[in-house]
Every structure is written in C-alpha cells, then in structure tokens.
C-alpha cells in the first residue's frame, strides 16, 4: 500500500472546466460507486417527503478533483463537505475507504441521503457550524459559495475548522458577464457566479483570511462554454489551498 501522508500540499492549485473536454477530464476516470438504490429512494421519499434528487453528473468533475486531493490523506482523515445535499463527493470518498466523512447543508433532507449510514450528515450553516476548532483535515465546498453564501464568513469559519495542515477545496461557477445572472435564483437564493474580472477578488479574499493564495488562472473564456444555468452559459473554476 502506498504511503499516505498528512495531505499537506506544497503549492496551492487551480483547476478549470471551461470546455467539455476539461469538464470530462476527471469524471471519466472515476470508478463506479453506489448512489441511490430502489430501497434508498423509497426510504428517502418516506422520510424526507420528497422524491430523491436526480444525480448531479456535472459535479463529478469536482469528485475527481477531491479524490485527487484526498489521495494523500489517511483513511481516518476528517473530511467535511459543505453544501452536501445531492453532492456526490461524500459517496465517492466513503467508496474509496474514508471512514470519517461529514456533510452539512441547510436542506433538512440532507440527513436522509442514501449514504447516511457511512456519512455523518447534519443540518448546519456552513458559515457558522457547531464543530469544534481545528477538527477537519479537508473541507470541500463544491459549487455552493455562489448560492447566497457570504464568502468572508464562510472562510472565517473554514479557517477555524481546519487543522494546521488542513486543505480547503472550493469550486464555483464562472460566467462571461454576471449581469444576466442577476435574475436567476437557486434554492430560493441569489446566484452570484464569478467572472474573469471578479475571480482575483476571491483569491485575494482567501489570502486575507489566512490561506495561501492560489495561482490566478488569468481566465480567458472560450466562445462556447460547456453548460448553462437559467439561460446563462457557464463553466467552472476550482482551487485548493492550505492555511498559510
């Protein structure tokens, strides 16, 4: 078995998914892992009072990145997924053998997800959790900060939760122009994607809250982006960093 270290990365990293090829880069390499069975869908409907959500295949790009980061952690590493409702990352992590995975979301149905027997799901606000200081090795926030999250509050809380050698993974939507996105909502919350002009501000915010500044990818968006939301074309950008 290969040595699994502390997970400390020497240099922060940035990923881009601005084309279909980039979006598929990580996800096509993933082994299959269980999500929803017929029994778990029935149980979710009974307990949560709603249909089980359709798989969010787009987030498989995040899963590939998260598993890449997690590969150097021991299997008992404490990992937190923020915005965990219908997030595939916890399922993929426990399928790889990680046994201390947590997920939080404001959606009460998060606690009835199919992997609840192996993932500790709780209803919590990622901007102000009930966890103790310095308790997580890896915090994941995949395509969630653009949905009504106060980024400064979230980063302060994440800085509090991470162990000294802990890592933070964030991904977010990126669009060419944020103006058309102002009319779009998701989960009843405003949608505030990044643009090539605002992304450096997010990287600066990470640095202001005690994280090593990830490299600026100097975004140049292609003419055609791989996805759209609310009629607005979009891609993704992600970064991983550590406490400075």
C-alpha atoms as a PDB file:
ATOM      1  CA  UNK A   1       0.000   0.000   0.000  1.00  0.00           C
ATOM      2  CA  UNK A   2       1.425   3.441  -0.893  1.00  0.00           C
ATOM      3  CA  UNK A   3       2.345   5.793   1.906  1.00  0.00           C
ATOM      4  CA  UNK A   4      -0.456   8.175   2.817  1.00  0.00           C
ATOM      5  CA  UNK A   5       0.865  11.390   4.309  1.00  0.00           C
ATOM      6  CA  UNK A   6      -0.695  14.331   6.059  1.00  0.00           C
ATOM      7  CA  UNK A   7      -2.287  15.740   2.920  1.00  0.00           C
ATOM      8  CA  UNK A   8      -0.279  18.973   3.146  1.00  0.00           C
ATOM      9  CA  UNK A   9       0.195  20.408  -0.308  1.00  0.00           C
ATOM     10  CA  UNK A  10       3.349  22.348  -1.086  1.00  0.00           C
ATOM     11  CA  UNK A  11       1.689  24.723  -3.564  1.00  0.00           C
ATOM     12  CA  UNK A  12      -1.974  25.758  -3.912  1.00  0.00           C
ATOM     13  CA  UNK A  13      -3.610  24.563  -7.114  1.00  0.00           C
ATOM     14  CA  UNK A  14      -6.266  25.787  -9.549  1.00  0.00           C
ATOM     15  CA  UNK A  15      -8.441  23.710 -11.908  1.00  0.00           C
ATOM     16  CA  UNK A  16     -10.548  24.905 -14.860  1.00  0.00           C
ATOM     17  CA  UNK A  17     -13.546  23.370 -16.613  1.00  0.00           C
ATOM     18  CA  UNK A  18     -14.294  25.795 -19.428  1.00  0.00           C
ATOM     19  CA  UNK A  19     -14.742  23.211 -22.198  1.00  0.00           C
ATOM     20  CA  UNK A  20     -16.449  19.834 -22.436  1.00  0.00           C
ATOM     21  CA  UNK A  21     -13.047  18.129 -22.569  1.00  0.00           C
ATOM     22  CA  UNK A  22     -11.931  19.836 -19.350  1.00  0.00           C
ATOM     23  CA  UNK A  23     -15.243  19.013 -17.687  1.00  0.00           C
ATOM     24  CA  UNK A  24     -14.774  15.324 -18.502  1.00  0.00           C
ATOM     25  CA  UNK A  25     -11.079  15.239 -17.558  1.00  0.00           C
ATOM     26  CA  UNK A  26     -11.584  13.905 -14.045  1.00  0.00           C
ATOM     27  CA  UNK A  27     -15.055  12.411 -14.184  1.00  0.00           C
ATOM     28  CA  UNK A  28     -14.417   9.851 -16.907  1.00  0.00           C
ATOM     29  CA  UNK A  29     -11.639   8.295 -14.811  1.00  0.00           C
ATOM     30  CA  UNK A  30     -13.863   7.663 -11.781  1.00  0.00           C
ATOM     31  CA  UNK A  31     -14.769   4.094 -10.863  1.00  0.00           C
ATOM     32  CA  UNK A  32     -18.488   3.441 -10.359  1.00  0.00           C
ATOM     33  CA  UNK A  33     -19.714   3.917  -6.811  1.00  0.00           C
ATOM     34  CA  UNK A  34     -23.175   3.466  -5.264  1.00  0.00           C
ATOM     35  CA  UNK A  35     -25.556   6.412  -5.007  1.00  0.00           C
ATOM     36  CA  UNK A  36     -29.274   5.653  -4.940  1.00  0.00           C
ATOM     37  CA  UNK A  37     -30.790   2.175  -4.871  1.00  0.00           C
ATOM     38  CA  UNK A  38     -34.508   1.490  -5.251  1.00  0.00           C
ATOM     39  CA  UNK A  39     -34.769   0.891  -1.497  1.00  0.00           C
ATOM     40  CA  UNK A  40     -32.879   4.076  -0.588  1.00  0.00           C
ATOM     41  CA  UNK A  41     -35.052   6.125  -2.966  1.00  0.00           C
ATOM     42  CA  UNK A  42     -38.187   4.744  -1.323  1.00  0.00           C
ATOM     43  CA  UNK A  43     -36.839   5.449   2.180  1.00  0.00           C
ATOM     44  CA  UNK A  44     -35.851   8.990   1.203  1.00  0.00           C
ATOM     45  CA  UNK A  45     -39.345   9.641  -0.174  1.00  0.00           C
ATOM     46  CA  UNK A  46     -40.985   8.373   3.013  1.00  0.00           C
ATOM     47  CA  UNK A  47     -38.712  10.197   5.467  1.00  0.00           C
ATOM     48  CA  UNK A  48     -37.942  13.395   3.541  1.00  0.00           C
ATOM     49  CA  UNK A  49     -41.365  13.773   1.980  1.00  0.00           C
ATOM     50  CA  UNK A  50     -39.945  14.366  -1.493  1.00  0.00           C
ATOM     51  CA  UNK A  51     -38.516  12.467  -4.424  1.00  0.00           C
ATOM     52  CA  UNK A  52     -34.838  11.622  -4.276  1.00  0.00           C
ATOM     53  CA  UNK A  53     -32.850  14.115  -6.366  1.00  0.00           C
ATOM     54  CA  UNK A  54     -31.540  13.257  -9.795  1.00  0.00           C
ATOM     55  CA  UNK A  55     -27.783  12.589  -9.873  1.00  0.00           C
ATOM     56  CA  UNK A  56     -25.819  15.786 -10.405  1.00  0.00           C
ATOM     57  CA  UNK A  57     -23.438  14.439 -13.029  1.00  0.00           C
ATOM     58  CA  UNK A  58     -21.788  17.814 -13.522  1.00  0.00           C
ATOM     59  CA  UNK A  59     -20.327  17.616 -10.019  1.00  0.00           C
ATOM     60  CA  UNK A  60     -18.379  14.505 -10.979  1.00  0.00           C
ATOM     61  CA  UNK A  61     -15.700  16.960 -12.128  1.00  0.00           C
ATOM     62  CA  UNK A  62     -15.432  18.104  -8.515  1.00  0.00           C
ATOM     63  CA  UNK A  63     -15.314  14.492  -7.334  1.00  0.00           C
ATOM     64  CA  UNK A  64     -12.256  13.788  -9.456  1.00  0.00           C
ATOM     65  CA  UNK A  65     -10.503  16.840  -8.015  1.00  0.00           C
ATOM     66  CA  UNK A  66     -11.498  15.993  -4.428  1.00  0.00           C
ATOM     67  CA  UNK A  67     -10.287  12.402  -4.736  1.00  0.00           C
ATOM     68  CA  UNK A  68      -7.006  13.688  -6.148  1.00  0.00           C
ATOM     69  CA  UNK A  69      -6.565  15.848  -3.038  1.00  0.00           C
ATOM     70  CA  UNK A  70      -7.705  13.128  -0.647  1.00  0.00           C
ATOM     71  CA  UNK A  71      -5.303  10.533  -2.048  1.00  0.00           C
ATOM     72  CA  UNK A  72      -2.502  11.592   0.299  1.00  0.00           C
ATOM     73  CA  UNK A  73      -4.648  11.548   3.460  1.00  0.00           C
ATOM     74  CA  UNK A  74      -5.023   8.554   5.780  1.00  0.00           C
ATOM     75  CA  UNK A  75      -8.365   6.774   5.620  1.00  0.00           C
ATOM     76  CA  UNK A  76      -9.403   8.163   9.014  1.00  0.00           C
ATOM     77  CA  UNK A  77      -8.876  11.781   7.925  1.00  0.00           C
ATOM     78  CA  UNK A  78     -11.751  14.040   8.982  1.00  0.00           C
ATOM     79  CA  UNK A  79     -13.401  15.422   5.835  1.00  0.00           C
ATOM     80  CA  UNK A  80     -16.278  17.900   5.668  1.00  0.00           C
ATOM     81  CA  UNK A  81     -18.459  18.525   2.602  1.00  0.00           C
ATOM     82  CA  UNK A  82     -20.263  21.904   2.750  1.00  0.00           C
ATOM     83  CA  UNK A  83     -23.423  22.067   0.683  1.00  0.00           C
ATOM     84  CA  UNK A  84     -23.758  18.295   0.850  1.00  0.00           C
ATOM     85  CA  UNK A  85     -27.341  17.815  -0.335  1.00  0.00           C
ATOM     86  CA  UNK A  86     -27.110  15.695  -3.509  1.00  0.00           C
ATOM     87  CA  UNK A  87     -23.341  16.117  -3.515  1.00  0.00           C
ATOM     88  CA  UNK A  88     -21.543  13.020  -4.852  1.00  0.00           C
ATOM     89  CA  UNK A  89     -18.253  13.743  -3.062  1.00  0.00           C
ATOM     90  CA  UNK A  90     -19.145  12.075   0.286  1.00  0.00           C
ATOM     91  CA  UNK A  91     -20.346   8.931  -1.540  1.00  0.00           C
ATOM     92  CA  UNK A  92     -17.141   8.742  -3.573  1.00  0.00           C
ATOM     93  CA  UNK A  93     -14.953   9.281  -0.507  1.00  0.00           C
ATOM     94  CA  UNK A  94     -16.557   6.502   1.536  1.00  0.00           C
ATOM     95  CA  UNK A  95     -16.447   4.233  -1.510  1.00  0.00           C
ATOM     96  CA  UNK A  96     -12.664   4.801  -1.529  1.00  0.00           C
ATOM     97  CA  UNK A  97     -12.483   3.734   2.118  1.00  0.00           C
ATOM     98  CA  UNK A  98     -12.543   7.022   4.024  1.00  0.00           C
ATOM     99  CA  UNK A  99     -14.374   6.478   7.295  1.00  0.00           C
ATOM    100  CA  UNK A 100     -14.667   9.925   8.903  1.00  0.00           C
ATOM    101  CA  UNK A 101     -16.702  11.868   6.334  1.00  0.00           C
ATOM    102  CA  UNK A 102     -19.209  14.567   7.300  1.00  0.00           C
ATOM    103  CA  UNK A 103     -21.689  16.562   5.233  1.00  0.00           C
ATOM    104  CA  UNK A 104     -23.675  19.677   6.108  1.00  0.00           C
ATOM    105  CA  UNK A 105     -26.455  21.550   4.350  1.00  0.00           C
ATOM    106  CA  UNK A 106     -29.361  23.831   5.228  1.00  0.00           C
ATOM    107  CA  UNK A 107     -31.724  21.444   3.413  1.00  0.00           C
ATOM    108  CA  UNK A 108     -33.301  19.214   6.117  1.00  0.00           C
ATOM    109  CA  UNK A 109     -33.471  16.344   3.617  1.00  0.00           C
ATOM    110  CA  UNK A 110     -29.674  16.038   3.683  1.00  0.00           C
ATOM    111  CA  UNK A 111     -29.891  13.645   6.653  1.00  0.00           C
ATOM    112  CA  UNK A 112     -31.910  11.092   4.621  1.00  0.00           C
ATOM    113  CA  UNK A 113     -29.474  10.687   1.758  1.00  0.00           C
ATOM    114  CA  UNK A 114     -28.541   7.205   0.616  1.00  0.00           C
ATOM    115  CA  UNK A 115     -25.058   7.238   2.183  1.00  0.00           C
ATOM    116  CA  UNK A 116     -26.291   8.318   5.641  1.00  0.00           C
ATOM    117  CA  UNK A 117     -25.097   5.046   7.220  1.00  0.00           C
ATOM    118  CA  UNK A 118     -21.473   5.867   6.323  1.00  0.00           C
ATOM    119  CA  UNK A 119     -21.517   9.687   6.212  1.00  0.00           C
ATOM    120  CA  UNK A 120     -22.392  11.867   9.197  1.00  0.00           C
ATOM    121  CA  UNK A 121     -24.929  14.314   7.755  1.00  0.00           C
ATOM    122  CA  UNK A 122     -26.232  17.239   9.803  1.00  0.00           C
ATOM    123  CA  UNK A 123     -28.329  20.309   9.062  1.00  0.00           C
ATOM    124  CA  UNK A 124     -25.946  23.223   9.575  1.00  0.00           C
ATOM    125  CA  UNK A 125     -24.990  26.571   8.080  1.00  0.00           C
ATOM    126  CA  UNK A 126     -21.516  26.395   6.537  1.00  0.00           C
ATOM    127  CA  UNK A 127     -20.955  29.994   7.648  1.00  0.00           C
ATOM    128  CA  UNK A 128     -21.431  29.140  11.337  1.00  0.00           C
ATOM    129  CA  UNK A 129     -21.189  25.473  12.308  1.00  0.00           C
ATOM    130  CA  UNK A 130     -21.287  23.688  15.634  1.00  0.00           C
ATOM    131  CA  UNK A 131     -17.992  21.853  15.134  1.00  0.00           C
ATOM    132  CA  UNK A 132     -15.050  22.427  17.463  1.00  0.00           C
ATOM    133  CA  UNK A 133     -11.895  24.267  16.397  1.00  0.00           C
ATOM    134  CA  UNK A 134      -9.225  22.545  14.281  1.00  0.00           C
ATOM    135  CA  UNK A 135     -11.185  19.351  13.694  1.00  0.00           C
ATOM    136  CA  UNK A 136     -11.019  18.749   9.924  1.00  0.00           C
ATOM    137  CA  UNK A 137      -8.229  17.703   7.590  1.00  0.00           C
ATOM    138  CA  UNK A 138     -10.091  18.616   4.393  1.00  0.00           C
ATOM    139  CA  UNK A 139     -13.053  20.938   3.822  1.00  0.00           C
ATOM    140  CA  UNK A 140     -14.857  20.709   0.471  1.00  0.00           C
ATOM    141  CA  UNK A 141     -17.266  23.297  -0.924  1.00  0.00           C
ATOM    142  CA  UNK A 142     -18.239  22.336  -4.473  1.00  0.00           C
ATOM    143  CA  UNK A 143     -20.309  24.864  -6.426  1.00  0.00           C
ATOM    144  CA  UNK A 144     -22.003  26.247  -3.320  1.00  0.00           C
ATOM    145  CA  UNK A 145     -20.462  29.622  -2.463  1.00  0.00           C
ATOM    146  CA  UNK A 146     -22.319  31.277  -5.363  1.00  0.00           C
ATOM    147  CA  UNK A 147     -25.697  30.424  -3.809  1.00  0.00           C
ATOM    148  CA  UNK A 148     -26.312  33.022  -1.101  1.00  0.00           C
ATOM    149  CA  UNK A 149     -23.096  32.402   0.857  1.00  0.00           C
ATOM    150  CA  UNK A 150     -21.202  35.254   2.492  1.00  0.00           C
ATOM    151  CA  UNK A 151     -17.723  34.248   1.341  1.00  0.00           C
ATOM    152  CA  UNK A 152     -15.899  36.136   4.100  1.00  0.00           C
ATOM    153  CA  UNK A 153     -17.984  34.444   6.829  1.00  0.00           C
ATOM    154  CA  UNK A 154     -17.505  31.038   5.214  1.00  0.00           C
ATOM    155  CA  UNK A 155     -13.730  31.476   5.003  1.00  0.00           C
ATOM    156  CA  UNK A 156     -13.501  32.616   8.623  1.00  0.00           C
ATOM    157  CA  UNK A 157     -15.423  29.539   9.691  1.00  0.00           C
ATOM    158  CA  UNK A 158     -13.380  27.210   7.487  1.00  0.00           C
ATOM    159  CA  UNK A 159     -10.147  28.673   8.833  1.00  0.00           C
ATOM    160  CA  UNK A 160     -11.419  27.896  12.335  1.00  0.00           C
ATOM    161  CA  UNK A 161     -12.374  24.318  11.438  1.00  0.00           C
ATOM    162  CA  UNK A 162      -9.214  23.287   9.622  1.00  0.00           C
ATOM    163  CA  UNK A 163      -6.271  21.638  11.326  1.00  0.00           C
ATOM    164  CA  UNK A 164      -2.891  23.366  10.835  1.00  0.00           C
ATOM    165  CA  UNK A 165      -2.040  21.115   7.873  1.00  0.00           C
ATOM    166  CA  UNK A 166      -5.620  21.045   6.556  1.00  0.00           C
ATOM    167  CA  UNK A 167      -6.745  21.743   2.999  1.00  0.00           C
ATOM    168  CA  UNK A 168      -9.662  23.696   1.557  1.00  0.00           C
ATOM    169  CA  UNK A 169     -11.216  22.864  -1.831  1.00  0.00           C
ATOM    170  CA  UNK A 170     -13.593  25.400  -3.387  1.00  0.00           C
ATOM    171  CA  UNK A 171     -15.232  25.349  -6.791  1.00  0.00           C
ATOM    172  CA  UNK A 172     -17.622  27.892  -8.240  1.00  0.00           C
ATOM    173  CA  UNK A 173     -19.432  28.807 -11.423  1.00  0.00           C
ATOM    174  CA  UNK A 174     -17.793  31.256 -13.817  1.00  0.00           C
ATOM    175  CA  UNK A 175     -19.613  33.266 -16.493  1.00  0.00           C
ATOM    176  CA  UNK A 176     -18.597  35.819 -19.077  1.00  0.00           C
ATOM    177  CA  UNK A 177     -20.814  38.571 -17.696  1.00  0.00           C
ATOM    178  CA  UNK A 178     -22.600  38.493 -14.333  1.00  0.00           C
ATOM    179  CA  UNK A 179     -25.344  40.925 -15.399  1.00  0.00           C
ATOM    180  CA  UNK A 180     -27.688  38.303 -16.964  1.00  0.00           C
ATOM    181  CA  UNK A 181     -27.254  36.118 -13.856  1.00  0.00           C
ATOM    182  CA  UNK A 182     -28.845  38.697 -11.566  1.00  0.00           C
ATOM    183  CA  UNK A 183     -32.359  37.482 -12.360  1.00  0.00           C
ATOM    184  CA  UNK A 184     -31.514  33.815 -11.690  1.00  0.00           C
ATOM    185  CA  UNK A 185     -32.120  32.149  -8.319  1.00  0.00           C
ATOM    186  CA  UNK A 186     -31.395  28.666  -7.000  1.00  0.00           C
ATOM    187  CA  UNK A 187     -32.919  27.106  -3.873  1.00  0.00           C
ATOM    188  CA  UNK A 188     -34.611  30.479  -3.394  1.00  0.00           C
ATOM    189  CA  UNK A 189     -31.216  32.192  -3.118  1.00  0.00           C
ATOM    190  CA  UNK A 190     -29.452  34.621  -5.444  1.00  0.00           C
ATOM    191  CA  UNK A 191     -26.920  33.227  -7.901  1.00  0.00           C
ATOM    192  CA  UNK A 192     -23.621  35.115  -7.898  1.00  0.00           C
ATOM    193  CA  UNK A 193     -21.138  33.370 -10.202  1.00  0.00           C
ATOM    194  CA  UNK A 194     -17.592  34.563 -10.712  1.00  0.00           C
ATOM    195  CA  UNK A 195     -16.344  36.342 -13.838  1.00  0.00           C
ATOM    196  CA  UNK A 196     -12.786  36.744 -15.152  1.00  0.00           C
ATOM    197  CA  UNK A 197     -12.805  40.183 -13.518  1.00  0.00           C
ATOM    198  CA  UNK A 198     -14.033  39.095 -10.070  1.00  0.00           C
ATOM    199  CA  UNK A 199     -12.048  35.871  -9.649  1.00  0.00           C
ATOM    200  CA  UNK A 200      -8.874  37.681  -8.452  1.00  0.00           C
ATOM    201  CA  UNK A 201     -11.001  39.231  -5.685  1.00  0.00           C
ATOM    202  CA  UNK A 202     -11.964  35.741  -4.488  1.00  0.00           C
ATOM    203  CA  UNK A 203      -8.303  34.702  -4.453  1.00  0.00           C
ATOM    204  CA  UNK A 204      -7.456  37.862  -2.504  1.00  0.00           C
ATOM    205  CA  UNK A 205     -10.226  37.012  -0.033  1.00  0.00           C
ATOM    206  CA  UNK A 206      -8.653  33.619   0.598  1.00  0.00           C
ATOM    207  CA  UNK A 207      -5.354  35.297   1.376  1.00  0.00           C
ATOM    208  CA  UNK A 208      -6.992  37.850   3.681  1.00  0.00           C
ATOM    209  CA  UNK A 209      -8.474  35.005   5.730  1.00  0.00           C
ATOM    210  CA  UNK A 210      -5.213  33.211   6.351  1.00  0.00           C
ATOM    211  CA  UNK A 211      -4.938  30.884   3.345  1.00  0.00           C
ATOM    212  CA  UNK A 212      -2.107  30.605   0.856  1.00  0.00           C
ATOM    213  CA  UNK A 213      -3.194  32.434  -2.302  1.00  0.00           C
ATOM    214  CA  UNK A 214      -3.933  30.031  -5.171  1.00  0.00           C
ATOM    215  CA  UNK A 215      -2.489  30.893  -8.583  1.00  0.00           C
ATOM    216  CA  UNK A 216      -4.608  33.231 -10.692  1.00  0.00           C
ATOM    217  CA  UNK A 217      -5.521  31.289 -13.856  1.00  0.00           C
ATOM    218  CA  UNK A 218      -5.844  34.547 -15.852  1.00  0.00           C
ATOM    219  CA  UNK A 219      -9.191  33.432 -17.233  1.00  0.00           C
ATOM    220  CA  UNK A 220      -9.823  33.765 -20.935  1.00  0.00           C
ATOM    221  CA  UNK A 221     -13.211  32.228 -21.586  1.00  0.00           C
ATOM    222  CA  UNK A 222     -13.816  30.352 -24.837  1.00  0.00           C
ATOM    223  CA  UNK A 223     -16.556  31.427 -27.236  1.00  0.00           C
ATOM    224  CA  UNK A 224     -18.699  28.444 -26.169  1.00  0.00           C
ATOM    225  CA  UNK A 225     -18.922  27.366 -22.523  1.00  0.00           C
ATOM    226  CA  UNK A 226     -19.886  23.767 -21.703  1.00  0.00           C
ATOM    227  CA  UNK A 227     -23.027  24.361 -19.612  1.00  0.00           C
ATOM    228  CA  UNK A 228     -25.768  26.840 -18.896  1.00  0.00           C
ATOM    229  CA  UNK A 229     -27.930  27.731 -15.907  1.00  0.00           C
ATOM    230  CA  UNK A 230     -31.005  29.915 -16.182  1.00  0.00           C
ATOM    231  CA  UNK A 231     -30.075  30.547 -19.792  1.00  0.00           C
ATOM    232  CA  UNK A 232     -26.605  31.848 -18.837  1.00  0.00           C
ATOM    233  CA  UNK A 233     -23.592  29.951 -20.294  1.00  0.00           C
ATOM    234  CA  UNK A 234     -21.074  28.885 -17.648  1.00  0.00           C
ATOM    235  CA  UNK A 235     -18.012  26.862 -16.790  1.00  0.00           C
ATOM    236  CA  UNK A 236     -16.252  26.084 -13.523  1.00  0.00           C
ATOM    237  CA  UNK A 237     -13.135  27.108 -11.697  1.00  0.00           C
ATOM    238  CA  UNK A 238     -11.775  25.397  -8.587  1.00  0.00           C
ATOM    239  CA  UNK A 239      -8.865  25.885  -6.253  1.00  0.00           C
ATOM    240  CA  UNK A 240      -7.260  24.053  -3.375  1.00  0.00           C
ATOM    241  CA  UNK A 241      -5.186  25.734  -0.729  1.00  0.00           C
ATOM    242  CA  UNK A 242      -3.877  25.360   2.795  1.00  0.00           C
ATOM    243  CA  UNK A 243      -3.650  27.506   5.884  1.00  0.00           C
ATOM    244  CA  UNK A 244      -0.783  29.942   5.358  1.00  0.00           C
END
